[in-house]
Amino acid sequence: MSLPSCKDIGGEEPNSNGFCPVDYFVPALKSGEYYPFGFVAGCVWGDDSSWKIQYLDLTEAEKGAIKRDARFGYIMLSDNQRLKDAVNMYDYGWDEEDESKNYIRINVMQTFDLTTGKKIE
């Protein structure tokens, strides 16, 4: 049995401390088209077992260029939650006062010290 021939688009160079994607989400417009961005959840090798959420720039995906970054910081997807259920696009879009409103909501898991209320990273 031979493997299919695949073309690598937007791949990354191997890295022993790299990011291993496990879930993707690209929000759709009501017209059936998709936004030129998406989200990916995955683990960082050598880190804990939680899944981190990162941003995908898909503006040049047709050219084979997909860019990933941690623009939201080090945020974790809640246990047993799909990425599409964690990202809320309700506030994204047009606002008459601001002309555009590029806000999204991401439901994430945070850990706190109950005694002090300090957020644990």
PDB file of N, CA and C in Angstrom:
ATOM      1  N   MET A   1       0.852  -1.170   0.000  1.00  0.00           N
ATOM      2  CA  MET A   1       0.000   0.000   0.000  1.00  0.00           C
ATOM      3  C   MET A   1       0.898   1.233   0.000  1.00  0.00           C
ATOM      4  N   SER A   2       0.639   2.148  -0.906  1.00  0.00           N
ATOM      5  CA  SER A   2       1.440   3.370  -0.965  1.00  0.00           C
ATOM      6  C   SER A   2       0.630   4.552  -0.451  1.00  0.00           C
ATOM      7  N   LEU A   3       1.333   5.528   0.091  1.00  0.00           N
ATOM      8  CA  LEU A   3       0.681   6.730   0.602  1.00  0.00           C
ATOM      9  C   LEU A   3       0.334   7.656  -0.554  1.00  0.00           C
ATOM     10  N   PRO A   4      -0.725   8.432  -0.408  1.00  0.00           N
ATOM     11  CA  PRO A   4      -1.090   9.369  -1.486  1.00  0.00           C
ATOM     12  C   PRO A   4      -0.061  10.491  -1.594  1.00  0.00           C
ATOM     13  N   SER A   5       0.046  11.039  -2.761  1.00  0.00           N
ATOM     14  CA  SER A   5       0.943  12.170  -2.981  1.00  0.00           C
ATOM     15  C   SER A   5       0.249  13.427  -2.475  1.00  0.00           C
ATOM     16  N   CYS A   6       0.877  14.115  -1.538  1.00  0.00           N
ATOM     17  CA  CYS A   6       0.279  15.310  -0.942  1.00  0.00           C
ATOM     18  C   CYS A   6       1.189  16.509  -1.153  1.00  0.00           C
ATOM     19  N   LYS A   7       0.593  17.647  -1.352  1.00  0.00           N
ATOM     20  CA  LYS A   7       1.332  18.889  -1.497  1.00  0.00           C
ATOM     21  C   LYS A   7       1.256  19.628  -0.166  1.00  0.00           C
ATOM     22  N   ASP A   8       2.409  19.993   0.372  1.00  0.00           N
ATOM     23  CA  ASP A   8       2.468  20.709   1.645  1.00  0.00           C
ATOM     24  C   ASP A   8       2.189  22.188   1.394  1.00  0.00           C
ATOM     25  N   ILE A   9       1.082  22.695   1.930  1.00  0.00           N
ATOM     26  CA  ILE A   9       0.807  24.127   1.829  1.00  0.00           C
ATOM     27  C   ILE A   9       0.769  24.690   3.240  1.00  0.00           C
ATOM     28  N   GLY A  10       1.567  25.689   3.476  1.00  0.00           N
ATOM     29  CA  GLY A  10       1.567  26.358   4.765  1.00  0.00           C
ATOM     30  C   GLY A  10       2.211  25.572   5.880  1.00  0.00           C
ATOM     31  N   GLY A  11       2.964  24.563   5.560  1.00  0.00           N
ATOM     32  CA  GLY A  11       3.611  23.756   6.587  1.00  0.00           C
ATOM     33  C   GLY A  11       4.712  24.516   7.315  1.00  0.00           C
ATOM     34  N   GLU A  12       5.134  23.958   8.409  1.00  0.00           N
ATOM     35  CA  GLU A  12       6.197  24.559   9.210  1.00  0.00           C
ATOM     36  C   GLU A  12       7.375  23.607   9.266  1.00  0.00           C
ATOM     37  N   GLU A  13       8.537  24.155   9.484  1.00  0.00           N
ATOM     38  CA  GLU A  13       9.730  23.334   9.634  1.00  0.00           C
ATOM     39  C   GLU A  13       9.607  22.525  10.929  1.00  0.00           C
ATOM     40  N   PRO A  14      10.093  21.276  10.937  1.00  0.00           N
ATOM     41  CA  PRO A  14      10.040  20.470  12.164  1.00  0.00           C
ATOM     42  C   PRO A  14      10.775  21.175  13.306  1.00  0.00           C
ATOM     43  N   ASN A  15      10.210  21.052  14.516  1.00  0.00           N
ATOM     44  CA  ASN A  15      10.783  21.687  15.685  1.00  0.00           C
ATOM     45  C   ASN A  15      10.480  20.800  16.883  1.00  0.00           C
ATOM     46  N   SER A  16      11.513  20.387  17.630  1.00  0.00           N
ATOM     47  CA  SER A  16      11.308  19.477  18.755  1.00  0.00           C
ATOM     48  C   SER A  16      10.469  20.111  19.862  1.00  0.00           C
ATOM     49  N   ASN A  17      10.400  21.434  19.918  1.00  0.00           N
ATOM     50  CA  ASN A  17       9.556  22.127  20.884  1.00  0.00           C
ATOM     51  C   ASN A  17       8.388  22.813  20.176  1.00  0.00           C
ATOM     52  N   GLY A  18       7.962  22.259  19.068  1.00  0.00           N
ATOM     53  CA  GLY A  18       6.960  22.890  18.217  1.00  0.00           C
ATOM     54  C   GLY A  18       5.536  22.714  18.693  1.00  0.00           C
ATOM     55  N   PHE A  19       4.639  23.192  17.862  1.00  0.00           N
ATOM     56  CA  PHE A  19       3.204  23.178  18.124  1.00  0.00           C
ATOM     57  C   PHE A  19       2.579  22.020  17.369  1.00  0.00           C
ATOM     58  N   CYS A  20       1.770  21.231  18.049  1.00  0.00           N
ATOM     59  CA  CYS A  20       1.111  20.086  17.430  1.00  0.00           C
ATOM     60  C   CYS A  20      -0.390  20.357  17.375  1.00  0.00           C
ATOM     61  N   PRO A  21      -0.936  20.721  16.206  1.00  0.00           N
ATOM     62  CA  PRO A  21      -2.358  21.056  16.099  1.00  0.00           C
ATOM     63  C   PRO A  21      -3.247  19.823  16.258  1.00  0.00           C
ATOM     64  N   VAL A  22      -4.396  20.024  16.923  1.00  0.00           N
ATOM     65  CA  VAL A  22      -5.352  18.932  17.098  1.00  0.00           C
ATOM     66  C   VAL A  22      -6.770  19.325  16.712  1.00  0.00           C
ATOM     67  N   ASP A  23      -7.055  20.640  16.591  1.00  0.00           N
ATOM     68  CA  ASP A  23      -8.404  21.086  16.256  1.00  0.00           C
ATOM     69  C   ASP A  23      -8.308  22.421  15.523  1.00  0.00           C
ATOM     70  N   TYR A  24      -9.123  22.595  14.497  1.00  0.00           N
ATOM     71  CA  TYR A  24      -9.153  23.828  13.703  1.00  0.00           C
ATOM     72  C   TYR A  24     -10.572  24.388  13.683  1.00  0.00           C
ATOM     73  N   PHE A  25     -10.660  25.709  13.516  1.00  0.00           N
ATOM     74  CA  PHE A  25     -11.965  26.339  13.335  1.00  0.00           C
ATOM     75  C   PHE A  25     -11.789  27.572  12.459  1.00  0.00           C
ATOM     76  N   VAL A  26     -12.528  27.610  11.344  1.00  0.00           N
ATOM     77  CA  VAL A  26     -12.558  28.780  10.466  1.00  0.00           C
ATOM     78  C   VAL A  26     -14.012  29.249  10.442  1.00  0.00           C
ATOM     79  N   PRO A  27     -14.285  30.446  11.014  1.00  0.00           N
ATOM     80  CA  PRO A  27     -15.664  30.936  11.067  1.00  0.00           C
ATOM     81  C   PRO A  27     -16.221  31.231   9.675  1.00  0.00           C
ATOM     82  N   ALA A  28     -17.491  30.943   9.514  1.00  0.00           N
ATOM     83  CA  ALA A  28     -18.166  31.176   8.234  1.00  0.00           C
ATOM     84  C   ALA A  28     -19.038  32.417   8.310  1.00  0.00           C
ATOM     85  N   LEU A  29     -19.110  33.127   7.190  1.00  0.00           N
ATOM     86  CA  LEU A  29     -20.062  34.215   7.048  1.00  0.00           C
ATOM     87  C   LEU A  29     -21.433  33.597   6.790  1.00  0.00           C
ATOM     88  N   LYS A  30     -22.484  34.345   6.936  1.00  0.00           N
ATOM     89  CA  LYS A  30     -23.825  33.806   6.716  1.00  0.00           C
ATOM     90  C   LYS A  30     -24.046  33.384   5.274  1.00  0.00           C
ATOM     91  N   SER A  31     -23.250  33.923   4.347  1.00  0.00           N
ATOM     92  CA  SER A  31     -23.425  33.618   2.925  1.00  0.00           C
ATOM     93  C   SER A  31     -22.755  32.319   2.519  1.00  0.00           C
ATOM     94  N   GLY A  32     -22.171  31.599   3.465  1.00  0.00           N
ATOM     95  CA  GLY A  32     -21.483  30.353   3.137  1.00  0.00           C
ATOM     96  C   GLY A  32     -20.017  30.540   2.812  1.00  0.00           C
ATOM     97  N   GLU A  33     -19.546  31.777   2.799  1.00  0.00           N
ATOM     98  CA  GLU A  33     -18.122  32.035   2.614  1.00  0.00           C
ATOM     99  C   GLU A  33     -17.454  32.062   3.979  1.00  0.00           C
ATOM    100  N   TYR A  34     -16.113  32.044   3.972  1.00  0.00           N
ATOM    101  CA  TYR A  34     -15.380  32.001   5.232  1.00  0.00           C
ATOM    102  C   TYR A  34     -14.552  33.251   5.425  1.00  0.00           C
ATOM    103  N   TYR A  35     -14.331  33.593   6.690  1.00  0.00           N
ATOM    104  CA  TYR A  35     -13.442  34.709   7.010  1.00  0.00           C
ATOM    105  C   TYR A  35     -12.019  34.337   6.612  1.00  0.00           C
ATOM    106  N   PRO A  36     -11.146  35.320   6.364  1.00  0.00           N
ATOM    107  CA  PRO A  36      -9.765  35.023   5.971  1.00  0.00           C
ATOM    108  C   PRO A  36      -8.867  34.751   7.176  1.00  0.00           C
ATOM    109  N   PHE A  37      -9.459  34.232   8.230  1.00  0.00           N
ATOM    110  CA  PHE A  37      -8.688  33.879   9.421  1.00  0.00           C
ATOM    111  C   PHE A  37      -9.365  32.692  10.085  1.00  0.00           C
ATOM    112  N   GLY A  38      -8.641  32.071  10.977  1.00  0.00           N
ATOM    113  CA  GLY A  38      -9.182  30.937  11.707  1.00  0.00           C
ATOM    114  C   GLY A  38      -8.433  30.777  13.015  1.00  0.00           C
ATOM    115  N   PHE A  39      -8.673  29.660  13.655  1.00  0.00           N
ATOM    116  CA  PHE A  39      -8.090  29.382  14.950  1.00  0.00           C
ATOM    117  C   PHE A  39      -7.629  27.933  14.974  1.00  0.00           C
ATOM    118  N   VAL A  40      -6.619  27.660  15.766  1.00  0.00           N
ATOM    119  CA  VAL A  40      -6.114  26.305  15.905  1.00  0.00           C
ATOM    120  C   VAL A  40      -5.841  26.055  17.383  1.00  0.00           C
ATOM    121  N   ALA A  41      -6.150  24.846  17.825  1.00  0.00           N
ATOM    122  CA  ALA A  41      -5.846  24.441  19.194  1.00  0.00           C
ATOM    123  C   ALA A  41      -4.887  23.263  19.120  1.00  0.00           C
ATOM    124  N   GLY A  42      -3.962  23.225  20.041  1.00  0.00           N
ATOM    125  CA  GLY A  42      -3.016  22.126  20.059  1.00  0.00           C
ATOM    126  C   GLY A  42      -2.089  22.229  21.252  1.00  0.00           C
ATOM    127  N   CYS A  43      -1.181  21.280  21.312  1.00  0.00           N
ATOM    128  CA  CYS A  43      -0.248  21.270  22.434  1.00  0.00           C
ATOM    129  C   CYS A  43       1.127  21.759  21.978  1.00  0.00           C
ATOM    130  N   VAL A  44       1.875  22.232  22.931  1.00  0.00           N
ATOM    131  CA  VAL A  44       3.263  22.622  22.708  1.00  0.00           C
ATOM    132  C   VAL A  44       4.101  21.488  23.268  1.00  0.00           C
ATOM    133  N   TRP A  45       4.985  20.918  22.456  1.00  0.00           N
ATOM    134  CA  TRP A  45       5.794  19.782  22.898  1.00  0.00           C
ATOM    135  C   TRP A  45       6.593  20.144  24.138  1.00  0.00           C
ATOM    136  N   GLY A  46       6.575  19.253  25.129  1.00  0.00           N
ATOM    137  CA  GLY A  46       7.327  19.460  26.356  1.00  0.00           C
ATOM    138  C   GLY A  46       6.582  20.312  27.368  1.00  0.00           C
ATOM    139  N   ASP A  47       5.370  20.749  27.036  1.00  0.00           N
ATOM    140  CA  ASP A  47       4.551  21.569  27.914  1.00  0.00           C
ATOM    141  C   ASP A  47       3.598  20.639  28.678  1.00  0.00           C
ATOM    142  N   ASP A  48       2.632  21.216  29.364  1.00  0.00           N
ATOM    143  CA  ASP A  48       1.624  20.389  30.028  1.00  0.00           C
ATOM    144  C   ASP A  48       0.726  19.746  28.973  1.00  0.00           C
ATOM    145  N   SER A  49      -0.316  19.090  29.388  1.00  0.00           N
ATOM    146  CA  SER A  49      -1.166  18.365  28.438  1.00  0.00           C
ATOM    147  C   SER A  49      -2.351  19.180  27.937  1.00  0.00           C
ATOM    148  N   SER A  50      -2.443  20.459  28.303  1.00  0.00           N
ATOM    149  CA  SER A  50      -3.580  21.273  27.861  1.00  0.00           C
ATOM    150  C   SER A  50      -3.384  21.752  26.422  1.00  0.00           C
ATOM    151  N   TRP A  51      -4.497  22.084  25.770  1.00  0.00           N
ATOM    152  CA  TRP A  51      -4.457  22.593  24.403  1.00  0.00           C
ATOM    153  C   TRP A  51      -4.491  24.109  24.430  1.00  0.00           C
ATOM    154  N   LYS A  52      -3.570  24.733  23.711  1.00  0.00           N
ATOM    155  CA  LYS A  52      -3.481  26.186  23.613  1.00  0.00           C
ATOM    156  C   LYS A  52      -4.213  26.636  22.348  1.00  0.00           C
ATOM    157  N   ILE A  53      -4.720  27.876  22.372  1.00  0.00           N
ATOM    158  CA  ILE A  53      -5.452  28.421  21.226  1.00  0.00           C
ATOM    159  C   ILE A  53      -4.582  29.462  20.536  1.00  0.00           C
ATOM    160  N   GLN A  54      -4.431  29.337  19.227  1.00  0.00           N
ATOM    161  CA  GLN A  54      -3.651  30.292  18.444  1.00  0.00           C
ATOM    162  C   GLN A  54      -4.449  30.760  17.232  1.00  0.00           C
ATOM    163  N   TYR A  55      -3.992  31.848  16.641  1.00  0.00           N
ATOM    164  CA  TYR A  55      -4.649  32.511  15.503  1.00  0.00           C
ATOM    165  C   TYR A  55      -4.035  32.020  14.195  1.00  0.00           C
ATOM    166  N   LEU A  56      -4.853  31.874  13.162  1.00  0.00           N
ATOM    167  CA  LEU A  56      -4.388  31.519  11.821  1.00  0.00           C
ATOM    168  C   LEU A  56      -4.725  32.642  10.855  1.00  0.00           C
ATOM    169  N   ASP A  57      -3.724  33.165  10.164  1.00  0.00           N
ATOM    170  CA  ASP A  57      -3.922  34.159   9.109  1.00  0.00           C
ATOM    171  C   ASP A  57      -4.023  33.381   7.801  1.00  0.00           C
ATOM    172  N   LEU A  58      -5.193  33.418   7.193  1.00  0.00           N
ATOM    173  CA  LEU A  58      -5.455  32.650   5.970  1.00  0.00           C
ATOM    174  C   LEU A  58      -5.548  33.522   4.727  1.00  0.00           C
ATOM    175  N   THR A  59      -5.118  34.789   4.834  1.00  0.00           N
ATOM    176  CA  THR A  59      -5.267  35.715   3.717  1.00  0.00           C
ATOM    177  C   THR A  59      -4.491  35.270   2.484  1.00  0.00           C
ATOM    178  N   GLU A  60      -3.429  34.491   2.650  1.00  0.00           N
ATOM    179  CA  GLU A  60      -2.642  34.030   1.504  1.00  0.00           C
ATOM    180  C   GLU A  60      -2.651  32.502   1.386  1.00  0.00           C
ATOM    181  N   ALA A  61      -3.686  31.876   1.908  1.00  0.00           N
ATOM    182  CA  ALA A  61      -3.758  30.409   1.888  1.00  0.00           C
ATOM    183  C   ALA A  61      -3.755  29.853   0.465  1.00  0.00           C
ATOM    184  N   GLU A  62      -4.373  30.566  -0.480  1.00  0.00           N
ATOM    185  CA  GLU A  62      -4.394  30.084  -1.872  1.00  0.00           C
ATOM    186  C   GLU A  62      -2.995  30.030  -2.475  1.00  0.00           C
ATOM    187  N   LYS A  63      -2.072  30.814  -1.924  1.00  0.00           N
ATOM    188  CA  LYS A  63      -0.677  30.819  -2.384  1.00  0.00           C
ATOM    189  C   LYS A  63       0.171  29.833  -1.588  1.00  0.00           C
ATOM    190  N   GLY A  64      -0.457  29.108  -0.653  1.00  0.00           N
ATOM    191  CA  GLY A  64       0.273  28.145   0.158  1.00  0.00           C
ATOM    192  C   GLY A  64       0.892  28.746   1.403  1.00  0.00           C
ATOM    193  N   ALA A  65       0.491  29.950   1.788  1.00  0.00           N
ATOM    194  CA  ALA A  65       1.048  30.611   2.962  1.00  0.00           C
ATOM    195  C   ALA A  65      -0.014  30.719   4.054  1.00  0.00           C
ATOM    196  N   ILE A  66       0.193  29.998   5.117  1.00  0.00           N
ATOM    197  CA  ILE A  66      -0.678  30.071   6.291  1.00  0.00           C
ATOM    198  C   ILE A  66       0.206  30.475   7.462  1.00  0.00           C
ATOM    199  N   LYS A  67      -0.171  31.551   8.143  1.00  0.00           N
ATOM    200  CA  LYS A  67       0.633  32.045   9.258  1.00  0.00           C
ATOM    201  C   LYS A  67      -0.105  31.794  10.564  1.00  0.00           C
ATOM    202  N   ARG A  68       0.632  31.328  11.568  1.00  0.00           N
ATOM    203  CA  ARG A  68       0.072  31.028  12.879  1.00  0.00           C
ATOM    204  C   ARG A  68       0.786  31.869  13.920  1.00  0.00           C
ATOM    205  N   ASP A  69       0.026  32.441  14.866  1.00  0.00           N
ATOM    206  CA  ASP A  69       0.681  33.170  15.954  1.00  0.00           C
ATOM    207  C   ASP A  69      -0.145  33.092  17.230  1.00  0.00           C
ATOM    208  N   ALA A  70       0.500  33.376  18.336  1.00  0.00           N
ATOM    209  CA  ALA A  70      -0.127  33.314  19.660  1.00  0.00           C
ATOM    210  C   ALA A  70      -0.537  34.715  20.100  1.00  0.00           C
ATOM    211  N   ARG A  71      -1.293  35.429  19.275  1.00  0.00           N
ATOM    212  CA  ARG A  71      -1.658  36.821  19.558  1.00  0.00           C
ATOM    213  C   ARG A  71      -2.533  36.989  20.792  1.00  0.00           C
ATOM    214  N   PHE A  72      -3.144  35.925  21.265  1.00  0.00           N
ATOM    215  CA  PHE A  72      -3.986  36.011  22.457  1.00  0.00           C
ATOM    216  C   PHE A  72      -3.204  35.674  23.720  1.00  0.00           C
ATOM    217  N   GLY A  73      -1.920  35.434  23.574  1.00  0.00           N
ATOM    218  CA  GLY A  73      -1.126  35.016  24.715  1.00  0.00           C
ATOM    219  C   GLY A  73      -1.217  33.509  24.897  1.00  0.00           C
ATOM    220  N   TYR A  74      -0.950  33.094  26.094  1.00  0.00           N
ATOM    221  CA  TYR A  74      -0.902  31.676  26.439  1.00  0.00           C
ATOM    222  C   TYR A  74      -2.254  31.283  27.024  1.00  0.00           C
ATOM    223  N   ILE A  75      -3.238  31.014  26.161  1.00  0.00           N
ATOM    224  CA  ILE A  75      -4.571  30.680  26.644  1.00  0.00           C
ATOM    225  C   ILE A  75      -4.895  29.217  26.343  1.00  0.00           C
ATOM    226  N   MET A  76      -5.627  28.597  27.255  1.00  0.00           N
ATOM    227  CA  MET A  76      -5.920  27.173  27.156  1.00  0.00           C
ATOM    228  C   MET A  76      -7.386  26.922  26.838  1.00  0.00           C
ATOM    229  N   LEU A  77      -7.617  25.989  25.952  1.00  0.00           N
ATOM    230  CA  LEU A  77      -8.967  25.525  25.648  1.00  0.00           C
ATOM    231  C   LEU A  77      -9.467  24.722  26.843  1.00  0.00           C
ATOM    232  N   SER A  78     -10.705  24.938  27.237  1.00  0.00           N
ATOM    233  CA  SER A  78     -11.267  24.193  28.362  1.00  0.00           C
ATOM    234  C   SER A  78     -11.313  22.702  28.040  1.00  0.00           C
ATOM    235  N   ASP A  79     -11.202  21.891  29.085  1.00  0.00           N
ATOM    236  CA  ASP A  79     -11.237  20.437  28.912  1.00  0.00           C
ATOM    237  C   ASP A  79     -12.530  20.009  28.226  1.00  0.00           C
ATOM    238  N   ASN A  80     -12.427  19.054  27.334  1.00  0.00           N
ATOM    239  CA  ASN A  80     -13.571  18.453  26.635  1.00  0.00           C
ATOM    240  C   ASN A  80     -14.389  19.463  25.834  1.00  0.00           C
ATOM    241  N   GLN A  81     -13.761  20.543  25.364  1.00  0.00           N
ATOM    242  CA  GLN A  81     -14.464  21.542  24.562  1.00  0.00           C
ATOM    243  C   GLN A  81     -13.872  21.586  23.160  1.00  0.00           C
ATOM    244  N   ARG A  82     -14.720  21.653  22.159  1.00  0.00           N
ATOM    245  CA  ARG A  82     -14.269  21.826  20.785  1.00  0.00           C
ATOM    246  C   ARG A  82     -13.930  23.286  20.557  1.00  0.00           C
ATOM    247  N   LEU A  83     -12.966  23.557  19.715  1.00  0.00           N
ATOM    248  CA  LEU A  83     -12.538  24.922  19.430  1.00  0.00           C
ATOM    249  C   LEU A  83     -13.684  25.763  18.871  1.00  0.00           C
ATOM    250  N   LYS A  84     -14.491  25.180  17.979  1.00  0.00           N
ATOM    251  CA  LYS A  84     -15.615  25.931  17.383  1.00  0.00           C
ATOM    252  C   LYS A  84     -16.629  26.368  18.436  1.00  0.00           C
ATOM    253  N   ASP A  85     -16.690  25.661  19.556  1.00  0.00           N
ATOM    254  CA  ASP A  85     -17.605  26.024  20.634  1.00  0.00           C
ATOM    255  C   ASP A  85     -16.990  27.056  21.586  1.00  0.00           C
ATOM    256  N   ALA A  86     -15.678  27.207  21.542  1.00  0.00           N
ATOM    257  CA  ALA A  86     -14.987  28.159  22.418  1.00  0.00           C
ATOM    258  C   ALA A  86     -14.909  29.553  21.811  1.00  0.00           C
ATOM    259  N   VAL A  87     -14.949  29.660  20.478  1.00  0.00           N
ATOM    260  CA  VAL A  87     -14.818  30.956  19.804  1.00  0.00           C
ATOM    261  C   VAL A  87     -16.206  31.508  19.498  1.00  0.00           C
ATOM    262  N   ASN A  88     -16.465  32.714  19.974  1.00  0.00           N
ATOM    263  CA  ASN A  88     -17.756  33.364  19.789  1.00  0.00           C
ATOM    264  C   ASN A  88     -17.546  34.592  18.904  1.00  0.00           C
ATOM    265  N   MET A  89     -18.199  34.623  17.758  1.00  0.00           N
ATOM    266  CA  MET A  89     -18.049  35.714  16.791  1.00  0.00           C
ATOM    267  C   MET A  89     -19.142  36.767  16.931  1.00  0.00           C
ATOM    268  N   TYR A  90     -19.935  36.694  17.994  1.00  0.00           N
ATOM    269  CA  TYR A  90     -21.089  37.572  18.150  1.00  0.00           C
ATOM    270  C   TYR A  90     -20.744  39.054  18.032  1.00  0.00           C
ATOM    271  N   ASP A  91     -19.627  39.498  18.615  1.00  0.00           N
ATOM    272  CA  ASP A  91     -19.251  40.912  18.601  1.00  0.00           C
ATOM    273  C   ASP A  91     -18.412  41.309  17.387  1.00  0.00           C
ATOM    274  N   TYR A  92     -18.175  40.385  16.469  1.00  0.00           N
ATOM    275  CA  TYR A  92     -17.320  40.692  15.317  1.00  0.00           C
ATOM    276  C   TYR A  92     -18.150  41.310  14.196  1.00  0.00           C
ATOM    277  N   GLY A  93     -17.650  42.367  13.619  1.00  0.00           N
ATOM    278  CA  GLY A  93     -18.342  42.937  12.469  1.00  0.00           C
ATOM    279  C   GLY A  93     -18.403  44.449  12.485  1.00  0.00           C
ATOM    280  N   TRP A  94     -19.398  44.951  11.860  1.00  0.00           N
ATOM    281  CA  TRP A  94     -19.540  46.387  11.628  1.00  0.00           C
ATOM    282  C   TRP A  94     -20.181  47.074  12.825  1.00  0.00           C
ATOM    283  N   ASP A  95     -19.643  48.242  13.186  1.00  0.00           N
ATOM    284  CA  ASP A  95     -20.211  49.067  14.249  1.00  0.00           C
ATOM    285  C   ASP A  95     -20.254  50.496  13.720  1.00  0.00           C
ATOM    286  N   GLU A  96     -21.411  51.142  13.714  1.00  0.00           N
ATOM    287  CA  GLU A  96     -21.558  52.477  13.122  1.00  0.00           C
ATOM    288  C   GLU A  96     -20.639  53.517  13.750  1.00  0.00           C
ATOM    289  N   GLU A  97     -20.403  53.439  15.048  1.00  0.00           N
ATOM    290  CA  GLU A  97     -19.551  54.427  15.713  1.00  0.00           C
ATOM    291  C   GLU A  97     -18.073  54.186  15.440  1.00  0.00           C
ATOM    292  N   ASP A  98     -17.639  52.951  15.480  1.00  0.00           N
ATOM    293  CA  ASP A  98     -16.220  52.615  15.316  1.00  0.00           C
ATOM    294  C   ASP A  98     -15.867  52.251  13.879  1.00  0.00           C
ATOM    295  N   GLU A  99     -16.827  52.175  12.998  1.00  0.00           N
ATOM    296  CA  GLU A  99     -16.699  51.736  11.607  1.00  0.00           C
ATOM    297  C   GLU A  99     -16.448  50.242  11.505  1.00  0.00           C
ATOM    298  N   SER A 100     -15.593  49.683  12.310  1.00  0.00           N
ATOM    299  CA  SER A 100     -15.445  48.235  12.324  1.00  0.00           C
ATOM    300  C   SER A 100     -15.178  47.796  13.751  1.00  0.00           C
ATOM    301  N   LYS A 101     -15.571  46.594  14.048  1.00  0.00           N
ATOM    302  CA  LYS A 101     -15.404  46.066  15.387  1.00  0.00           C
ATOM    303  C   LYS A 101     -14.821  44.665  15.242  1.00  0.00           C
ATOM    304  N   ASN A 102     -13.540  44.548  15.488  1.00  0.00           N
ATOM    305  CA  ASN A 102     -12.848  43.275  15.321  1.00  0.00           C
ATOM    306  C   ASN A 102     -12.726  42.524  16.637  1.00  0.00           C
ATOM    307  N   TYR A 103     -13.838  42.441  17.373  1.00  0.00           N
ATOM    308  CA  TYR A 103     -13.831  41.782  18.668  1.00  0.00           C
ATOM    309  C   TYR A 103     -14.379  40.369  18.544  1.00  0.00           C
ATOM    310  N   ILE A 104     -13.738  39.471  19.247  1.00  0.00           N
ATOM    311  CA  ILE A 104     -14.244  38.105  19.374  1.00  0.00           C
ATOM    312  C   ILE A 104     -14.205  37.753  20.857  1.00  0.00           C
ATOM    313  N   ARG A 105     -14.894  36.714  21.224  1.00  0.00           N
ATOM    314  CA  ARG A 105     -14.837  36.204  22.595  1.00  0.00           C
ATOM    315  C   ARG A 105     -14.343  34.767  22.522  1.00  0.00           C
ATOM    316  N   ILE A 106     -13.412  34.449  23.419  1.00  0.00           N
ATOM    317  CA  ILE A 106     -12.908  33.081  23.485  1.00  0.00           C
ATOM    318  C   ILE A 106     -13.102  32.585  24.914  1.00  0.00           C
ATOM    319  N   ASN A 107     -13.877  31.526  25.042  1.00  0.00           N
ATOM    320  CA  ASN A 107     -14.094  30.897  26.347  1.00  0.00           C
ATOM    321  C   ASN A 107     -12.890  30.002  26.635  1.00  0.00           C
ATOM    322  N   VAL A 108     -12.132  30.354  27.662  1.00  0.00           N
ATOM    323  CA  VAL A 108     -10.920  29.611  27.978  1.00  0.00           C
ATOM    324  C   VAL A 108     -10.928  29.130  29.420  1.00  0.00           C
ATOM    325  N   MET A 109     -10.047  28.193  29.692  1.00  0.00           N
ATOM    326  CA  MET A 109      -9.889  27.673  31.039  1.00  0.00           C
ATOM    327  C   MET A 109      -8.806  28.485  31.741  1.00  0.00           C
ATOM    328  N   GLN A 110      -9.110  28.950  32.935  1.00  0.00           N
ATOM    329  CA  GLN A 110      -8.124  29.652  33.746  1.00  0.00           C
ATOM    330  C   GLN A 110      -8.063  28.990  35.108  1.00  0.00           C
ATOM    331  N   THR A 111      -6.883  28.987  35.705  1.00  0.00           N
ATOM    332  CA  THR A 111      -6.686  28.391  37.012  1.00  0.00           C
ATOM    333  C   THR A 111      -6.313  29.486  38.004  1.00  0.00           C
ATOM    334  N   PHE A 112      -6.940  29.449  39.194  1.00  0.00           N
ATOM    335  CA  PHE A 112      -6.700  30.466  40.215  1.00  0.00           C
ATOM    336  C   PHE A 112      -6.366  29.809  41.549  1.00  0.00           C
ATOM    337  N   ASP A 113      -5.557  30.496  42.332  1.00  0.00           N
ATOM    338  CA  ASP A 113      -5.302  30.107  43.719  1.00  0.00           C
ATOM    339  C   ASP A 113      -6.507  30.590  44.508  1.00  0.00           C
ATOM    340  N   LEU A 114      -7.270  29.691  45.109  1.00  0.00           N
ATOM    341  CA  LEU A 114      -8.481  30.051  45.816  1.00  0.00           C
ATOM    342  C   LEU A 114      -8.209  30.946  47.023  1.00  0.00           C
ATOM    343  N   THR A 115      -7.047  30.791  47.666  1.00  0.00           N
ATOM    344  CA  THR A 115      -6.721  31.595  48.849  1.00  0.00           C
ATOM    345  C   THR A 115      -6.455  33.047  48.504  1.00  0.00           C
ATOM    346  N   THR A 116      -5.675  33.273  47.426  1.00  0.00           N
ATOM    347  CA  THR A 116      -5.264  34.639  47.083  1.00  0.00           C
ATOM    348  C   THR A 116      -6.034  35.233  45.911  1.00  0.00           C
ATOM    349  N   GLY A 117      -6.654  34.389  45.108  1.00  0.00           N
ATOM    350  CA  GLY A 117      -7.323  34.853  43.893  1.00  0.00           C
ATOM    351  C   GLY A 117      -6.367  35.081  42.743  1.00  0.00           C
ATOM    352  N   LYS A 118      -5.083  34.791  42.943  1.00  0.00           N
ATOM    353  CA  LYS A 118      -4.063  35.004  41.915  1.00  0.00           C
ATOM    354  C   LYS A 118      -4.233  33.996  40.781  1.00  0.00           C
ATOM    355  N   LYS A 119      -4.152  34.502  39.559  1.00  0.00           N
ATOM    356  CA  LYS A 119      -4.228  33.649  38.377  1.00  0.00           C
ATOM    357  C   LYS A 119      -2.943  32.842  38.280  1.00  0.00           C
ATOM    358  N   ILE A 120      -3.066  31.555  38.052  1.00  0.00           N
ATOM    359  CA  ILE A 120      -1.919  30.662  37.902  1.00  0.00           C
ATOM    360  C   ILE A 120      -1.666  30.476  36.412  1.00  0.00           C
ATOM    361  N   GLU A 121      -0.464  30.762  35.982  1.00  0.00           N
ATOM    362  CA  GLU A 121      -0.112  30.622  34.554  1.00  0.00           C
ATOM    363  C   GLU A 121       0.332  29.216  34.260  1.00  0.00           C
TER     364      GLU A 121
END
